[in-house]
C-alpha atoms as a PDB file:
ATOM      1  CA  MET A   1     -69.692 -78.929 -15.912  1.00  0.00           C
ATOM      2  CA  SER A   2     -72.530 -78.406 -18.399  1.00  0.00           C
ATOM      3  CA  HIS A   3     -75.924 -79.988 -17.746  1.00  0.00           C
ATOM      4  CA  SER A   4     -75.618 -82.220 -20.838  1.00  0.00           C
ATOM      5  CA  THR A   5     -72.207 -83.560 -19.716  1.00  0.00           C
ATOM      6  CA  SER A   6     -73.383 -84.420 -16.206  1.00  0.00           C
ATOM      7  CA  TYR A   7     -76.649 -85.825 -17.659  1.00  0.00           C
ATOM      8  CA  GLN A   8     -74.715 -88.268 -19.841  1.00  0.00           C
ATOM      9  CA  GLN A   9     -72.607 -89.453 -16.879  1.00  0.00           C
ATOM     10  CA  GLN A  10     -75.724 -89.776 -14.719  1.00  0.00           C
ATOM     11  CA  LEU A  11     -77.531 -91.726 -17.448  1.00  0.00           C
ATOM     12  CA  GLU A  12     -74.691 -94.255 -17.583  1.00  0.00           C
ATOM     13  CA  ARG A  13     -74.710 -94.563 -13.811  1.00  0.00           C
ATOM     14  CA  ILE A  14     -78.481 -95.216 -13.554  1.00  0.00           C
ATOM     15  CA  LYS A  15     -78.335 -97.620 -16.495  1.00  0.00           C
ATOM     16  CA  ASN A  16     -75.320 -99.684 -15.457  1.00  0.00           C
ATOM     17  CA  ASP A  17     -74.637 -99.449 -11.717  1.00  0.00           C
ATOM     18  CA  THR A  18     -76.279-101.348  -8.871  1.00  0.00           C
ATOM     19  CA  GLY A  19     -78.072 -99.611  -6.033  1.00  0.00           C
ATOM     20  CA  PHE A  20     -81.393 -97.972  -5.243  1.00  0.00           C
ATOM     21  CA  ILE A  21     -82.953 -94.511  -5.246  1.00  0.00           C
ATOM     22  CA  ALA A  22     -83.710 -92.884  -1.893  1.00  0.00           C
ATOM     23  CA  ALA A  23     -86.982 -90.932  -1.985  1.00  0.00           C
ATOM     24  CA  LEU A  24     -86.410 -87.855   0.198  1.00  0.00           C
ATOM     25  CA  ASP A  25     -89.197 -85.832  -1.368  1.00  0.00           C
ATOM     26  CA  GLN A  26     -92.144 -85.572   1.046  1.00  0.00           C
ATOM     27  CA  SER A  27     -93.428 -82.041   0.597  1.00  0.00           C
ATOM     28  CA  GLY A  28     -96.161 -79.927   2.216  1.00  0.00           C
ATOM     29  CA  GLY A  29     -98.920 -82.434   2.898  1.00  0.00           C
ATOM     30  CA  SER A  30     -96.861 -85.413   4.061  1.00  0.00           C
ATOM     31  CA  THR A  31     -94.107 -83.517   5.890  1.00  0.00           C
ATOM     32  CA  PRO A  32     -95.749 -83.262   9.359  1.00  0.00           C
ATOM     33  CA  LYS A  33     -96.260 -87.046   9.374  1.00  0.00           C
ATOM     34  CA  ALA A  34     -92.666 -87.677   8.230  1.00  0.00           C
ATOM     35  CA  LEU A  35     -91.387 -85.349  10.960  1.00  0.00           C
ATOM     36  CA  ARG A  36     -93.576 -86.995  13.635  1.00  0.00           C
ATOM     37  CA  MET A  37     -92.106 -90.378  12.701  1.00  0.00           C
ATOM     38  CA  TYR A  38     -88.671 -88.781  13.099  1.00  0.00           C
ATOM     39  CA  GLY A  39     -89.627 -87.493  16.567  1.00  0.00           C
ATOM     40  CA  VAL A  40     -90.356 -83.846  15.741  1.00  0.00           C
ATOM     41  CA  GLU A  41     -93.792 -82.796  17.009  1.00  0.00           C
ATOM     42  CA  GLU A  42     -95.885 -80.079  15.364  1.00  0.00           C
ATOM     43  CA  SER A  43     -95.402 -77.905  18.468  1.00  0.00           C
ATOM     44  CA  GLU A  44     -91.708 -77.634  17.537  1.00  0.00           C
ATOM     45  CA  TYR A  45     -92.356 -75.424  14.502  1.00  0.00           C
ATOM     46  CA  ASN A  46     -94.687 -72.441  13.994  1.00  0.00           C
ATOM     47  CA  ASN A  47     -94.953 -72.163  10.207  1.00  0.00           C
ATOM     48  CA  ASP A  48     -93.980 -73.784   6.916  1.00  0.00           C
ATOM     49  CA  ASP A  49     -90.524 -72.176   6.892  1.00  0.00           C
ATOM     50  CA  GLU A  50     -89.667 -73.675  10.280  1.00  0.00           C
ATOM     51  CA  MET A  51     -91.206 -77.019   9.280  1.00  0.00           C
ATOM     52  CA  PHE A  52     -89.142 -77.211   6.086  1.00  0.00           C
ATOM     53  CA  ALA A  53     -86.010 -76.190   8.018  1.00  0.00           C
ATOM     54  CA  GLN A  54     -86.619 -79.171  10.347  1.00  0.00           C
ATOM     55  CA  VAL A  55     -87.131 -81.578   7.448  1.00  0.00           C
ATOM     56  CA  HIS A  56     -84.050 -80.248   5.664  1.00  0.00           C
ATOM     57  CA  GLU A  57     -82.001 -80.868   8.781  1.00  0.00           C
ATOM     58  CA  MET A  58     -83.240 -84.484   8.835  1.00  0.00           C
ATOM     59  CA  ARG A  59     -82.344 -84.927   5.158  1.00  0.00           C
ATOM     60  CA  ARG A  60     -78.967 -83.222   5.599  1.00  0.00           C
ATOM     61  CA  ARG A  61     -78.202 -85.661   8.409  1.00  0.00           C
ATOM     62  CA  ILE A  62     -79.037 -88.607   6.137  1.00  0.00           C
ATOM     63  CA  MET A  63     -77.138 -87.306   3.094  1.00  0.00           C
ATOM     64  CA  THR A  64     -73.956 -86.413   4.976  1.00  0.00           C
ATOM     65  CA  CYS A  65     -73.802 -89.811   6.707  1.00  0.00           C
ATOM     66  CA  ASP A  66     -70.742 -91.751   5.475  1.00  0.00           C
ATOM     67  CA  CYS A  67     -72.919 -94.824   4.972  1.00  0.00           C
ATOM     68  CA  PHE A  68     -75.148 -92.892   2.505  1.00  0.00           C
ATOM     69  CA  ASP A  69     -72.673 -93.865  -0.186  1.00  0.00           C
ATOM     70  CA  SER A  70     -72.625 -94.244  -3.961  1.00  0.00           C
ATOM     71  CA  GLY A  71     -71.734 -97.924  -3.690  1.00  0.00           C
ATOM     72  CA  ARG A  72     -75.305 -98.650  -2.590  1.00  0.00           C
ATOM     73  CA  VAL A  73     -77.311 -95.471  -3.249  1.00  0.00           C
ATOM     74  CA  LEU A  74     -77.697 -94.662  -6.959  1.00  0.00           C
ATOM     75  CA  GLY A  75     -79.923 -91.610  -6.689  1.00  0.00           C
ATOM     76  CA  ALA A  76     -82.031 -89.424  -4.422  1.00  0.00           C
ATOM     77  CA  ILE A  77     -85.349 -87.680  -5.113  1.00  0.00           C
ATOM     78  CA  LEU A  78     -85.627 -84.153  -3.703  1.00  0.00           C
ATOM     79  CA  PHE A  79     -88.434 -81.641  -3.687  1.00  0.00           C
ATOM     80  CA  GLU A  80     -88.031 -78.018  -4.704  1.00  0.00           C
ATOM     81  CA  ASP A  81     -87.398 -76.650  -1.208  1.00  0.00           C
ATOM     82  CA  THR A  82     -84.543 -79.156  -0.694  1.00  0.00           C
ATOM     83  CA  MET A  83     -83.062 -78.346  -4.122  1.00  0.00           C
ATOM     84  CA  ASP A  84     -83.052 -74.646  -3.186  1.00  0.00           C
ATOM     85  CA  ARG A  85     -81.232 -75.268   0.118  1.00  0.00           C
ATOM     86  CA  GLN A  86     -77.622 -76.209   0.816  1.00  0.00           C
ATOM     87  CA  VAL A  87     -75.758 -79.150   2.283  1.00  0.00           C
ATOM     88  CA  ASN A  88     -72.159 -78.530   3.403  1.00  0.00           C
ATOM     89  CA  ASP A  89     -72.178 -75.058   1.785  1.00  0.00           C
ATOM     90  CA  LYS A  90     -73.257 -76.378  -1.634  1.00  0.00           C
ATOM     91  CA  PRO A  91     -76.658 -76.560  -3.301  1.00  0.00           C
ATOM     92  CA  THR A  92     -78.124 -79.958  -2.312  1.00  0.00           C
ATOM     93  CA  ALA A  93     -78.088 -81.425  -5.850  1.00  0.00           C
ATOM     94  CA  ASN A  94     -74.460 -80.345  -6.368  1.00  0.00           C
ATOM     95  CA  TYR A  95     -73.468 -81.875  -3.046  1.00  0.00           C
ATOM     96  CA  LEU A  96     -75.128 -85.195  -3.966  1.00  0.00           C
ATOM     97  CA  TRP A  97     -73.626 -85.404  -7.442  1.00  0.00           C
ATOM     98  CA  GLU A  98     -70.210 -83.778  -6.985  1.00  0.00           C
ATOM     99  CA  ASP A  99     -69.349 -84.978  -3.477  1.00  0.00           C
ATOM    100  CA  LYS A 100     -71.268 -88.262  -3.310  1.00  0.00           C
ATOM    101  CA  ASN A 101     -71.678 -89.441  -6.944  1.00  0.00           C
ATOM    102  CA  ILE A 102     -75.421 -89.859  -6.187  1.00  0.00           C
ATOM    103  CA  VAL A 103     -77.803 -88.844  -8.992  1.00  0.00           C
ATOM    104  CA  PRO A 104     -80.336 -86.135  -7.963  1.00  0.00           C
ATOM    105  CA  PHE A 105     -83.965 -86.143  -9.145  1.00  0.00           C
ATOM    106  CA  LEU A 106     -86.644 -83.509  -8.484  1.00  0.00           C
ATOM    107  CA  LYS A 107     -90.292 -84.073  -7.533  1.00  0.00           C
ATOM    108  CA  VAL A 108     -92.276 -81.759  -9.830  1.00  0.00           C
ATOM    109  CA  ASP A 109     -95.955 -82.516  -9.199  1.00  0.00           C
ATOM    110  CA  LYS A 110     -98.160 -80.166  -7.183  1.00  0.00           C
ATOM    111  CA  GLY A 111    -100.067 -82.939  -5.420  1.00  0.00           C
ATOM    112  CA  LEU A 112    -103.212 -84.863  -6.273  1.00  0.00           C
ATOM    113  CA  ALA A 113    -106.637 -83.781  -7.486  1.00  0.00           C
ATOM    114  CA  GLU A 114    -109.754 -85.071  -5.682  1.00  0.00           C
ATOM    115  CA  GLN A 115    -110.600 -88.716  -6.324  1.00  0.00           C
ATOM    116  CA  MET A 116    -112.760 -89.264  -9.414  1.00  0.00           C
ATOM    117  CA  ASP A 117    -113.432 -92.422 -11.415  1.00  0.00           C
ATOM    118  CA  GLY A 118    -111.418 -94.493  -8.925  1.00  0.00           C
ATOM    119  CA  VAL A 119    -108.203 -92.500  -9.352  1.00  0.00           C
ATOM    120  CA  GLN A 120    -106.455 -89.258  -8.426  1.00  0.00           C
ATOM    121  CA  VAL A 121    -104.756 -87.523 -11.309  1.00  0.00           C
ATOM    122  CA  MET A 122    -102.161 -84.825 -10.691  1.00  0.00           C
ATOM    123  CA  LYS A 123    -103.206 -81.248 -10.088  1.00  0.00           C
ATOM    124  CA  PRO A 124    -102.144 -78.981 -12.978  1.00  0.00           C
ATOM    125  CA  ILE A 125     -98.470 -77.921 -12.908  1.00  0.00           C
ATOM    126  CA  PRO A 126     -98.633 -74.424 -14.474  1.00  0.00           C
ATOM    127  CA  THR A 127     -95.050 -73.520 -13.488  1.00  0.00           C
ATOM    128  CA  LEU A 128     -93.501 -76.740 -14.825  1.00  0.00           C
ATOM    129  CA  ASP A 129     -91.406 -75.152 -17.591  1.00  0.00           C
ATOM    130  CA  SER A 130     -89.803 -72.614 -15.264  1.00  0.00           C
ATOM    131  CA  LEU A 131     -89.223 -75.299 -12.595  1.00  0.00           C
ATOM    132  CA  LEU A 132     -87.482 -77.524 -15.169  1.00  0.00           C
ATOM    133  CA  ASP A 133     -85.343 -74.581 -16.310  1.00  0.00           C
ATOM    134  CA  LYS A 134     -84.386 -73.968 -12.693  1.00  0.00           C
ATOM    135  CA  ALA A 135     -83.549 -77.660 -12.207  1.00  0.00           C
ATOM    136  CA  LYS A 136     -81.159 -77.495 -15.164  1.00  0.00           C
ATOM    137  CA  ASN A 137     -79.100 -74.863 -13.304  1.00  0.00           C
ATOM    138  CA  TYR A 138     -78.266 -77.710 -10.938  1.00  0.00           C
ATOM    139  CA  PRO A 139     -77.027 -81.194 -11.874  1.00  0.00           C
ATOM    140  CA  ILE A 140     -80.615 -82.558 -11.670  1.00  0.00           C
ATOM    141  CA  PHE A 141     -80.926 -85.638 -13.905  1.00  0.00           C
ATOM    142  CA  GLY A 142     -84.651 -86.252 -13.861  1.00  0.00           C
ATOM    143  CA  THR A 143     -88.033 -85.622 -12.308  1.00  0.00           C
ATOM    144  CA  LYS A 144     -90.736 -87.532 -10.461  1.00  0.00           C
ATOM    145  CA  MET A 145     -94.505 -87.074 -10.448  1.00  0.00           C
ATOM    146  CA  ARG A 146     -97.150 -89.148  -8.681  1.00  0.00           C
ATOM    147  CA  SER A 147    -100.756 -90.090  -9.407  1.00  0.00           C
ATOM    148  CA  VAL A 148    -102.778 -92.658  -7.449  1.00  0.00           C
ATOM    149  CA  ILE A 149    -105.014 -95.527  -8.577  1.00  0.00           C
ATOM    150  CA  HIS A 150    -107.545 -96.617  -5.953  1.00  0.00           C
ATOM    151  CA  THR A 151    -109.577 -99.153  -7.921  1.00  0.00           C
ATOM    152  CA  ALA A 152    -109.507-101.099 -11.201  1.00  0.00           C
ATOM    153  CA  SER A 153    -111.271 -98.453 -13.279  1.00  0.00           C
ATOM    154  CA  ALA A 154    -110.206 -98.813 -16.920  1.00  0.00           C
ATOM    155  CA  SER A 155    -111.222 -95.240 -17.815  1.00  0.00           C
ATOM    156  CA  GLY A 156    -109.615 -93.806 -14.660  1.00  0.00           C
ATOM    157  CA  ILE A 157    -106.335 -95.654 -15.207  1.00  0.00           C
ATOM    158  CA  GLU A 158    -106.297 -94.539 -18.839  1.00  0.00           C
ATOM    159  CA  LYS A 159    -106.606 -90.895 -17.658  1.00  0.00           C
ATOM    160  CA  VAL A 160    -103.792 -91.312 -15.117  1.00  0.00           C
ATOM    161  CA  VAL A 161    -101.343 -92.830 -17.602  1.00  0.00           C
ATOM    162  CA  GLN A 162    -102.260 -90.415 -20.395  1.00  0.00           C
ATOM    163  CA  GLN A 163    -101.640 -87.414 -18.134  1.00  0.00           C
ATOM    164  CA  GLN A 164     -98.366 -88.877 -16.857  1.00  0.00           C
ATOM    165  CA  PHE A 165     -97.051 -89.421 -20.386  1.00  0.00           C
ATOM    166  CA  ASP A 166     -98.195 -85.979 -21.585  1.00  0.00           C
ATOM    167  CA  VAL A 167     -96.189 -84.376 -18.779  1.00  0.00           C
ATOM    168  CA  ALA A 168     -93.282 -86.804 -19.367  1.00  0.00           C
ATOM    169  CA  LYS A 169     -93.037 -85.546 -22.950  1.00  0.00           C
ATOM    170  CA  GLN A 170     -92.807 -81.953 -21.707  1.00  0.00           C
ATOM    171  CA  ILE A 171     -89.961 -83.061 -19.389  1.00  0.00           C
ATOM    172  CA  LEU A 172     -88.157 -85.006 -22.124  1.00  0.00           C
ATOM    173  CA  ALA A 173     -88.360 -81.921 -24.356  1.00  0.00           C
ATOM    174  CA  LYS A 174     -86.398 -80.027 -21.675  1.00  0.00           C
ATOM    175  CA  GLY A 175     -83.661 -82.667 -21.696  1.00  0.00           C
ATOM    176  CA  LEU A 176     -84.511 -84.294 -18.340  1.00  0.00           C
ATOM    177  CA  MET A 177     -85.463 -87.892 -17.485  1.00  0.00           C
ATOM    178  CA  PRO A 178     -89.052 -88.294 -16.219  1.00  0.00           C
ATOM    179  CA  ILE A 179     -89.985 -90.848 -13.559  1.00  0.00           C
ATOM    180  CA  VAL A 180     -93.638 -91.689 -14.231  1.00  0.00           C
ATOM    181  CA  GLU A 181     -95.303 -92.788 -10.963  1.00  0.00           C
ATOM    182  CA  PRO A 182     -98.870 -94.147 -11.198  1.00  0.00           C
ATOM    183  CA  GLU A 183     -99.134 -95.657  -7.702  1.00  0.00           C
ATOM    184  CA  VAL A 184    -101.637 -98.472  -7.082  1.00  0.00           C
ATOM    185  CA  THR A 185    -102.783 -98.320  -3.449  1.00  0.00           C
ATOM    186  CA  ILE A 186    -101.720-101.463  -1.585  1.00  0.00           C
ATOM    187  CA  ASN A 187    -105.028-102.003   0.226  1.00  0.00           C
ATOM    188  CA  THR A 188    -107.299-101.941  -2.815  1.00  0.00           C
ATOM    189  CA  ALA A 189    -109.446-105.078  -3.157  1.00  0.00           C
ATOM    190  CA  ASP A 190    -108.701-105.380  -6.897  1.00  0.00           C
ATOM    191  CA  LYS A 191    -104.970-104.593  -6.858  1.00  0.00           C
ATOM    192  CA  ALA A 192    -103.963-107.327  -9.350  1.00  0.00           C
ATOM    193  CA  GLU A 193    -106.677-106.203 -11.776  1.00  0.00           C
ATOM    194  CA  SER A 194    -105.563-102.567 -11.449  1.00  0.00           C
ATOM    195  CA  GLU A 195    -101.990-103.655 -12.202  1.00  0.00           C
ATOM    196  CA  ALA A 196    -103.058-105.557 -15.337  1.00  0.00           C
ATOM    197  CA  LEU A 197    -104.932-102.491 -16.641  1.00  0.00           C
ATOM    198  CA  LEU A 198    -102.020-100.234 -15.692  1.00  0.00           C
ATOM    199  CA  LYS A 199     -99.401-102.347 -17.441  1.00  0.00           C
ATOM    200  CA  ALA A 200    -101.457-102.477 -20.650  1.00  0.00           C
ATOM    201  CA  GLU A 201    -101.896 -98.670 -20.594  1.00  0.00           C
ATOM    202  CA  ILE A 202     -98.183 -98.083 -19.970  1.00  0.00           C
ATOM    203  CA  LEU A 203     -97.208-100.401 -22.842  1.00  0.00           C
ATOM    204  CA  ARG A 204     -99.642 -98.564 -25.138  1.00  0.00           C
ATOM    205  CA  ASN A 205     -98.225 -95.175 -24.149  1.00  0.00           C
ATOM    206  CA  LEU A 206     -94.613 -96.308 -24.517  1.00  0.00           C
ATOM    207  CA  GLU A 207     -95.368 -96.889 -28.195  1.00  0.00           C
ATOM    208  CA  ARG A 208     -96.287 -93.187 -28.477  1.00  0.00           C
ATOM    209  CA  LEU A 209     -92.784 -92.113 -27.446  1.00  0.00           C
ATOM    210  CA  ASP A 210     -90.310 -91.366 -30.213  1.00  0.00           C
ATOM    211  CA  ASP A 211     -87.663 -93.969 -30.996  1.00  0.00           C
ATOM    212  CA  GLY A 212     -84.656 -93.347 -28.777  1.00  0.00           C
ATOM    213  CA  GLN A 213     -86.729 -91.669 -26.051  1.00  0.00           C
ATOM    214  CA  GLN A 214     -86.717 -93.310 -22.624  1.00  0.00           C
ATOM    215  CA  ILE A 215     -88.550 -92.783 -19.356  1.00  0.00           C
ATOM    216  CA  MET A 216     -88.330 -94.347 -15.911  1.00  0.00           C
ATOM    217  CA  LEU A 217     -91.281 -95.927 -14.098  1.00  0.00           C
ATOM    218  CA  LYS A 218     -92.003 -95.931 -10.363  1.00  0.00           C
ATOM    219  CA  LEU A 219     -94.563 -98.619  -9.556  1.00  0.00           C
ATOM    220  CA  THR A 220     -96.176-100.291  -6.567  1.00  0.00           C
ATOM    221  CA  LEU A 221     -94.714-103.735  -5.870  1.00  0.00           C
ATOM    222  CA  PRO A 222     -97.004-106.081  -7.838  1.00  0.00           C
ATOM    223  CA  GLU A 223     -99.232-108.882  -6.512  1.00  0.00           C
ATOM    224  CA  GLU A 224     -97.712-111.309  -9.002  1.00  0.00           C
ATOM    225  CA  ALA A 225     -93.919-111.662  -8.769  1.00  0.00           C
ATOM    226  CA  GLY A 226     -92.165-110.639 -11.979  1.00  0.00           C
ATOM    227  CA  PHE A 227     -95.335-109.022 -13.361  1.00  0.00           C
ATOM    228  CA  TYR A 228     -93.511-105.968 -14.731  1.00  0.00           C
ATOM    229  CA  GLN A 229     -90.726-107.878 -16.487  1.00  0.00           C
ATOM    230  CA  ASP A 230     -91.839-106.744 -19.967  1.00  0.00           C
ATOM    231  CA  LEU A 231     -91.625-103.116 -18.771  1.00  0.00           C
ATOM    232  CA  ILE A 232     -88.173-103.733 -17.265  1.00  0.00           C
ATOM    233  CA  ASN A 233     -87.004-105.165 -20.602  1.00  0.00           C
ATOM    234  CA  HIS A 234     -88.669-102.492 -22.758  1.00  0.00           C
ATOM    235  CA  PRO A 235     -86.219-100.432 -24.879  1.00  0.00           C
ATOM    236  CA  LYS A 236     -88.058 -97.198 -23.988  1.00  0.00           C
ATOM    237  CA  VAL A 237     -87.733 -97.812 -20.225  1.00  0.00           C
ATOM    238  CA  LEU A 238     -84.426 -96.876 -18.581  1.00  0.00           C
ATOM    239  CA  LYS A 239     -85.323 -98.355 -15.176  1.00  0.00           C
ATOM    240  CA  VAL A 240     -88.309 -99.589 -13.203  1.00  0.00           C
ATOM    241  CA  VAL A 241     -88.177 -98.567  -9.548  1.00  0.00           C
ATOM    242  CA  ALA A 242     -90.507 -99.686  -6.757  1.00  0.00           C
ATOM    243  CA  LEU A 243     -92.302 -97.527  -4.198  1.00  0.00           C
ATOM    244  CA  SER A 244     -92.870 -98.872  -0.685  1.00  0.00           C
ATOM    245  CA  GLY A 245     -96.445 -97.538  -0.612  1.00  0.00           C
ATOM    246  CA  GLY A 246     -97.100 -98.158   3.075  1.00  0.00           C
ATOM    247  CA  TYR A 247     -95.488-101.600   3.299  1.00  0.00           C
ATOM    248  CA  SER A 248     -92.981-101.895   6.151  1.00  0.00           C
ATOM    249  CA  ARG A 249     -89.311-102.071   5.136  1.00  0.00           C
ATOM    250  CA  GLU A 250     -89.317-105.815   5.847  1.00  0.00           C
ATOM    251  CA  GLU A 251     -92.371-106.466   3.664  1.00  0.00           C
ATOM    252  CA  ALA A 252     -91.270-104.099   0.896  1.00  0.00           C
ATOM    253  CA  CYS A 253     -87.821-105.717   0.688  1.00  0.00           C
ATOM    254  CA  ASP A 254     -89.307-109.229   0.658  1.00  0.00           C
ATOM    255  CA  LYS A 255     -91.613-108.287  -2.218  1.00  0.00           C
ATOM    256  CA  LEU A 256     -88.851-106.436  -4.070  1.00  0.00           C
ATOM    257  CA  ALA A 257     -86.540-109.450  -3.895  1.00  0.00           C
ATOM    258  CA  GLN A 258     -89.194-111.432  -5.825  1.00  0.00           C
ATOM    259  CA  ASN A 259     -89.079-108.928  -8.701  1.00  0.00           C
ATOM    260  CA  ALA A 260     -85.697-109.233 -10.394  1.00  0.00           C
ATOM    261  CA  GLY A 261     -84.674-106.107 -12.299  1.00  0.00           C
ATOM    262  CA  MET A 262     -86.788-103.723 -10.201  1.00  0.00           C
ATOM    263  CA  ILE A 263     -84.885-101.516  -7.747  1.00  0.00           C
ATOM    264  CA  ALA A 264     -86.181 -99.706  -4.670  1.00  0.00           C
ATOM    265  CA  SER A 265     -87.174 -96.078  -4.488  1.00  0.00           C
ATOM    266  CA  PHE A 266     -88.494 -96.151  -0.943  1.00  0.00           C
ATOM    267  CA  SER A 267     -89.500 -93.207   1.210  1.00  0.00           C
ATOM    268  CA  ARG A 268     -91.112 -94.215   4.528  1.00  0.00           C
ATOM    269  CA  ALA A 269     -89.556 -97.691   4.408  1.00  0.00           C
ATOM    270  CA  PHE A 270     -86.141 -96.075   3.889  1.00  0.00           C
ATOM    271  CA  THR A 271     -86.277 -93.711   6.898  1.00  0.00           C
ATOM    272  CA  GLU A 272     -88.111 -96.174   9.197  1.00  0.00           C
ATOM    273  CA  GLY A 273     -86.489 -96.241  12.644  1.00  0.00           C
ATOM    274  CA  LEU A 274     -84.623 -92.926  12.360  1.00  0.00           C
ATOM    275  CA  SER A 275     -85.098 -90.451  15.175  1.00  0.00           C
ATOM    276  CA  LYS A 276     -83.899 -86.929  15.885  1.00  0.00           C
ATOM    277  CA  SER A 277     -82.954 -87.977  19.421  1.00  0.00           C
ATOM    278  CA  GLN A 278     -80.516 -90.685  18.246  1.00  0.00           C
ATOM    279  CA  SER A 279     -76.814 -90.056  18.743  1.00  0.00           C
ATOM    280  CA  ASP A 280     -74.853 -89.743  15.489  1.00  0.00           C
ATOM    281  CA  GLU A 281     -73.616 -93.278  16.044  1.00  0.00           C
ATOM    282  CA  GLN A 282     -77.134 -94.718  16.529  1.00  0.00           C
ATOM    283  CA  PHE A 283     -78.453 -92.712  13.586  1.00  0.00           C
ATOM    284  CA  SER A 284     -75.624 -93.902  11.359  1.00  0.00           C
ATOM    285  CA  SER A 285     -76.015 -97.579  12.282  1.00  0.00           C
ATOM    286  CA  THR A 286     -79.820 -97.401  11.753  1.00  0.00           C
ATOM    287  CA  ILE A 287     -79.497 -95.818   8.305  1.00  0.00           C
ATOM    288  CA  ASP A 288     -76.646 -98.166   7.399  1.00  0.00           C
ATOM    289  CA  ALA A 289     -78.800-101.230   8.198  1.00  0.00           C
ATOM    290  CA  SER A 290     -81.690 -99.758   6.186  1.00  0.00           C
ATOM    291  CA  ILE A 291     -79.452 -99.016   3.188  1.00  0.00           C
ATOM    292  CA  ASP A 292     -77.952-102.484   3.356  1.00  0.00           C
ATOM    293  CA  LYS A 293     -81.295-104.276   3.446  1.00  0.00           C
ATOM    294  CA  ILE A 294     -82.794-102.201   0.619  1.00  0.00           C
ATOM    295  CA  TYR A 295     -79.623-102.457  -1.468  1.00  0.00           C
ATOM    296  CA  SER A 296     -79.564-106.265  -1.113  1.00  0.00           C
ATOM    297  CA  ALA A 297     -83.237-106.546  -2.168  1.00  0.00           C
ATOM    298  CA  SER A 298     -82.575-104.222  -5.141  1.00  0.00           C
ATOM    299  CA  LYS A 299     -79.583-106.272  -6.294  1.00  0.00           C
ATOM    300  CA  VAL A 300     -81.445-109.560  -6.742  1.00  0.00           C
END
């Protein structure tokens, strides 16, 4: 199937179907922590190759679970190493889309620059074009890239959003759907103020997109319920998804349920409670309960 054919089917699915997006994209920096939470200590691997093999095994176990199903899971975000590996003798993205009807996305950022002006912009992504070309060899629908806002700095937030939209345009030009993720840290003293500045910047940048162009947004759950409704309803926004950002699953789902039209794209809150030592039955019932809770909060 050509990329444009699968893209069209995936677009319809993200636009019209209920469910949430599982974020399975921790990469280099956050992987040891993710593995520790899963019960794999750093002494159990000697280098990056062995570490990524361990994390792929964890993700394979999640993806091949019967309860990881298209009725509740709309999409999954991968990082490049996962895209390059296989699940059940197929490239991971092909397995997700062809066997599971789950839409695959790819994390494309190279991590965060040092904090300046209250924010962390993305490090440069010099290989982006070739990475996007590679992604199009698989049924990858879209991309994800993360920046972080630590404080309500108008000039810092402007920089973050500007950079995100500049890169989003490069991704749109390649025929992929960008998820723009300017995360507001949950412990910042001026979170509501940061969110007000962020929303205004996003609305301004949406006007710079061509008519007919759409992006997705991945945002921290807001202080004020329903705060992002005008982004959810915006014609240039396909979907607004929520990150868990350090909230527990319980807290994240409670907050999500207060924001109709937003769906989850949780990472830590999604895999909370999973452990390598669990039997397949325990693992399956843990992930099933997680999927059910997040799906219900996303459906409100």
